[in-house]
């Protein structure tokens, strides 16, 4: 019983984190696209796209749609790894520090760690 309750607590935390990221990424990307577009257009469009991914992940996790959540978090992880690698190989695409630069180093690697943590949690819970 205690383990089940702890699992729900962690699940609620994962949902809350993704919800906060969905809102903050939407606000940040909207501001960046309107006010700072010329600085890093690719990064700012990626931020808006990530907001959509965070929203889908939040809804899937909150509604206990494990399969959709796993696909979404896997897609997110592949995207972070791909864009992170691209930022290392072609740094001119990310000339200004963004959430996407070098796997999110300036953001404490949260963009990389979050989908890994979410997938880890999903793999350990009972359906």
C-alpha atoms as a PDB file:
ATOM      1  CA  UNK A   1       0.000   0.000   0.000  1.00  0.00           C
ATOM      2  CA  UNK A   2       2.796   2.415   0.898  1.00  0.00           C
ATOM      3  CA  UNK A   3       4.659   1.673  -2.332  1.00  0.00           C
ATOM      4  CA  UNK A   4       1.510   2.249  -4.368  1.00  0.00           C
ATOM      5  CA  UNK A   5       0.924   5.585  -2.634  1.00  0.00           C
ATOM      6  CA  UNK A   6       4.566   6.599  -3.217  1.00  0.00           C
ATOM      7  CA  UNK A   7       4.193   5.656  -6.901  1.00  0.00           C
ATOM      8  CA  UNK A   8       1.129   7.866  -7.205  1.00  0.00           C
ATOM      9  CA  UNK A   9       3.023  10.690  -5.516  1.00  0.00           C
ATOM     10  CA  UNK A  10       5.874  10.410  -8.006  1.00  0.00           C
ATOM     11  CA  UNK A  11       3.349  10.183 -10.839  1.00  0.00           C
ATOM     12  CA  UNK A  12       1.621  13.339  -9.649  1.00  0.00           C
ATOM     13  CA  UNK A  13       5.008  15.067  -9.506  1.00  0.00           C
ATOM     14  CA  UNK A  14       5.820  13.978 -13.081  1.00  0.00           C
ATOM     15  CA  UNK A  15       2.429  15.267 -14.284  1.00  0.00           C
ATOM     16  CA  UNK A  16       2.936  18.557 -12.445  1.00  0.00           C
ATOM     17  CA  UNK A  17       6.428  19.049 -13.888  1.00  0.00           C
ATOM     18  CA  UNK A  18       5.206  18.387 -17.415  1.00  0.00           C
ATOM     19  CA  UNK A  19       2.250  20.735 -16.867  1.00  0.00           C
ATOM     20  CA  UNK A  20       4.563  23.522 -15.708  1.00  0.00           C
ATOM     21  CA  UNK A  21       6.853  22.887 -18.674  1.00  0.00           C
ATOM     22  CA  UNK A  22       3.906  22.972 -21.086  1.00  0.00           C
ATOM     23  CA  UNK A  23       2.802  26.366 -19.776  1.00  0.00           C
ATOM     24  CA  UNK A  24       6.280  27.863 -19.461  1.00  0.00           C
ATOM     25  CA  UNK A  25       7.432  26.607 -22.871  1.00  0.00           C
ATOM     26  CA  UNK A  26       4.306  28.046 -24.505  1.00  0.00           C
ATOM     27  CA  UNK A  27       4.764  31.439 -22.867  1.00  0.00           C
ATOM     28  CA  UNK A  28       8.530  31.517 -23.460  1.00  0.00           C
ATOM     29  CA  UNK A  29       8.303  30.443 -27.105  1.00  0.00           C
ATOM     30  CA  UNK A  30       5.483  32.875 -27.861  1.00  0.00           C
ATOM     31  CA  UNK A  31       7.465  35.754 -26.360  1.00  0.00           C
ATOM     32  CA  UNK A  32      10.650  34.696 -28.178  1.00  0.00           C
ATOM     33  CA  UNK A  33       8.924  34.333 -31.529  1.00  0.00           C
ATOM     34  CA  UNK A  34       7.265  37.748 -31.196  1.00  0.00           C
ATOM     35  CA  UNK A  35      10.098  39.758 -29.627  1.00  0.00           C
ATOM     36  CA  UNK A  36      13.383  37.985 -30.329  1.00  0.00           C
ATOM     37  CA  UNK A  37      12.797  35.986 -33.492  1.00  0.00           C
ATOM     38  CA  UNK A  38      15.972  37.156 -35.254  1.00  0.00           C
ATOM     39  CA  UNK A  39      18.242  35.915 -32.457  1.00  0.00           C
ATOM     40  CA  UNK A  40      17.540  32.182 -32.797  1.00  0.00           C
ATOM     41  CA  UNK A  41      14.512  31.356 -34.959  1.00  0.00           C
ATOM     42  CA  UNK A  42      15.160  27.607 -35.102  1.00  0.00           C
ATOM     43  CA  UNK A  43      15.469  27.320 -31.317  1.00  0.00           C
ATOM     44  CA  UNK A  44      12.331  29.370 -30.744  1.00  0.00           C
ATOM     45  CA  UNK A  45      10.231  27.288 -33.152  1.00  0.00           C
ATOM     46  CA  UNK A  46      11.583  24.158 -31.455  1.00  0.00           C
ATOM     47  CA  UNK A  47      10.492  25.615 -28.111  1.00  0.00           C
ATOM     48  CA  UNK A  48       6.976  26.104 -29.418  1.00  0.00           C
ATOM     49  CA  UNK A  49       6.931  22.547 -30.750  1.00  0.00           C
ATOM     50  CA  UNK A  50       8.234  21.261 -27.413  1.00  0.00           C
ATOM     51  CA  UNK A  51       5.351  23.038 -25.683  1.00  0.00           C
ATOM     52  CA  UNK A  52       2.976  20.911 -27.744  1.00  0.00           C
ATOM     53  CA  UNK A  53       4.908  17.749 -26.835  1.00  0.00           C
ATOM     54  CA  UNK A  54       4.814  18.735 -23.138  1.00  0.00           C
ATOM     55  CA  UNK A  55       1.071  19.306 -23.384  1.00  0.00           C
ATOM     56  CA  UNK A  56       0.453  15.885 -24.933  1.00  0.00           C
ATOM     57  CA  UNK A  57       2.716  14.265 -22.328  1.00  0.00           C
ATOM     58  CA  UNK A  58       0.907  16.051 -19.494  1.00  0.00           C
ATOM     59  CA  UNK A  59      -2.516  14.941 -20.733  1.00  0.00           C
ATOM     60  CA  UNK A  60      -1.390  11.366 -21.395  1.00  0.00           C
ATOM     61  CA  UNK A  61       0.196  11.052 -17.958  1.00  0.00           C
ATOM     62  CA  UNK A  62      -2.717  12.730 -16.163  1.00  0.00           C
ATOM     63  CA  UNK A  63      -5.295  10.536 -17.907  1.00  0.00           C
ATOM     64  CA  UNK A  64      -3.284   7.361 -17.301  1.00  0.00           C
ATOM     65  CA  UNK A  65      -2.707   6.711 -21.007  1.00  0.00           C
ATOM     66  CA  UNK A  66       0.571   4.860 -20.512  1.00  0.00           C
ATOM     67  CA  UNK A  67       1.130   3.877 -24.149  1.00  0.00           C
ATOM     68  CA  UNK A  68       0.611   7.425 -25.429  1.00  0.00           C
ATOM     69  CA  UNK A  69       2.800   8.783 -22.622  1.00  0.00           C
ATOM     70  CA  UNK A  70       5.606   6.336 -23.479  1.00  0.00           C
ATOM     71  CA  UNK A  71       5.469   7.236 -27.167  1.00  0.00           C
ATOM     72  CA  UNK A  72       5.415  10.942 -26.375  1.00  0.00           C
ATOM     73  CA  UNK A  73       8.295  10.794 -23.898  1.00  0.00           C
ATOM     74  CA  UNK A  74      10.320   8.604 -26.266  1.00  0.00           C
ATOM     75  CA  UNK A  75       9.683  11.105 -29.076  1.00  0.00           C
ATOM     76  CA  UNK A  76      10.747  13.909 -26.726  1.00  0.00           C
ATOM     77  CA  UNK A  77      13.953  12.103 -25.741  1.00  0.00           C
ATOM     78  CA  UNK A  78      14.869  11.359 -29.361  1.00  0.00           C
ATOM     79  CA  UNK A  79      14.233  15.012 -30.212  1.00  0.00           C
ATOM     80  CA  UNK A  80      16.387  16.301 -27.357  1.00  0.00           C
ATOM     81  CA  UNK A  81      19.213  13.928 -28.279  1.00  0.00           C
ATOM     82  CA  UNK A  82      18.978  14.814 -31.974  1.00  0.00           C
ATOM     83  CA  UNK A  83      18.831  18.571 -31.461  1.00  0.00           C
ATOM     84  CA  UNK A  84      21.503  18.397 -28.743  1.00  0.00           C
ATOM     85  CA  UNK A  85      23.819  16.540 -31.091  1.00  0.00           C
ATOM     86  CA  UNK A  86      23.019  18.986 -33.886  1.00  0.00           C
ATOM     87  CA  UNK A  87      23.886  21.907 -31.590  1.00  0.00           C
ATOM     88  CA  UNK A  88      27.262  20.301 -30.894  1.00  0.00           C
ATOM     89  CA  UNK A  89      27.994  19.492 -34.545  1.00  0.00           C
ATOM     90  CA  UNK A  90      26.649  22.757 -36.028  1.00  0.00           C
ATOM     91  CA  UNK A  91      26.851  25.343 -33.232  1.00  0.00           C
ATOM     92  CA  UNK A  92      26.051  28.166 -35.652  1.00  0.00           C
ATOM     93  CA  UNK A  93      22.432  26.957 -35.683  1.00  0.00           C
ATOM     94  CA  UNK A  94      22.300  27.769 -31.970  1.00  0.00           C
ATOM     95  CA  UNK A  95      24.534  30.835 -31.785  1.00  0.00           C
ATOM     96  CA  UNK A  96      22.734  32.171 -28.710  1.00  0.00           C
ATOM     97  CA  UNK A  97      22.332  30.064 -25.564  1.00  0.00           C
ATOM     98  CA  UNK A  98      18.920  28.412 -25.606  1.00  0.00           C
ATOM     99  CA  UNK A  99      17.208  25.552 -23.853  1.00  0.00           C
ATOM    100  CA  UNK A 100      18.351  23.400 -26.794  1.00  0.00           C
ATOM    101  CA  UNK A 101      22.048  24.280 -26.711  1.00  0.00           C
ATOM    102  CA  UNK A 102      24.247  21.324 -25.880  1.00  0.00           C
ATOM    103  CA  UNK A 103      21.489  19.073 -24.480  1.00  0.00           C
ATOM    104  CA  UNK A 104      20.191  21.789 -22.166  1.00  0.00           C
ATOM    105  CA  UNK A 105      23.433  22.399 -20.273  1.00  0.00           C
ATOM    106  CA  UNK A 106      22.357  25.934 -19.334  1.00  0.00           C
ATOM    107  CA  UNK A 107      19.115  24.533 -17.942  1.00  0.00           C
ATOM    108  CA  UNK A 108      20.775  21.910 -15.759  1.00  0.00           C
ATOM    109  CA  UNK A 109      20.235  19.234 -18.410  1.00  0.00           C
ATOM    110  CA  UNK A 110      16.535  19.201 -17.450  1.00  0.00           C
ATOM    111  CA  UNK A 111      15.431  18.890 -21.119  1.00  0.00           C
ATOM    112  CA  UNK A 112      17.485  15.676 -21.298  1.00  0.00           C
ATOM    113  CA  UNK A 113      16.721  14.342 -17.813  1.00  0.00           C
ATOM    114  CA  UNK A 114      12.959  14.897 -17.797  1.00  0.00           C
ATOM    115  CA  UNK A 115      11.964  12.355 -20.482  1.00  0.00           C
ATOM    116  CA  UNK A 116      14.448   9.828 -19.065  1.00  0.00           C
ATOM    117  CA  UNK A 117      12.915  10.235 -15.604  1.00  0.00           C
ATOM    118  CA  UNK A 118       9.381  10.022 -17.023  1.00  0.00           C
ATOM    119  CA  UNK A 119      10.156   6.861 -18.981  1.00  0.00           C
ATOM    120  CA  UNK A 120      11.855   5.334 -15.950  1.00  0.00           C
ATOM    121  CA  UNK A 121       8.799   6.044 -13.824  1.00  0.00           C
ATOM    122  CA  UNK A 122       6.414   4.658 -16.467  1.00  0.00           C
ATOM    123  CA  UNK A 123       8.448   1.470 -16.820  1.00  0.00           C
ATOM    124  CA  UNK A 124       8.246   0.749 -13.109  1.00  0.00           C
ATOM    125  CA  UNK A 125       4.557   1.313 -12.527  1.00  0.00           C
ATOM    126  CA  UNK A 126       1.853  -1.294 -12.697  1.00  0.00           C
ATOM    127  CA  UNK A 127      -0.723  -0.887 -15.466  1.00  0.00           C
END
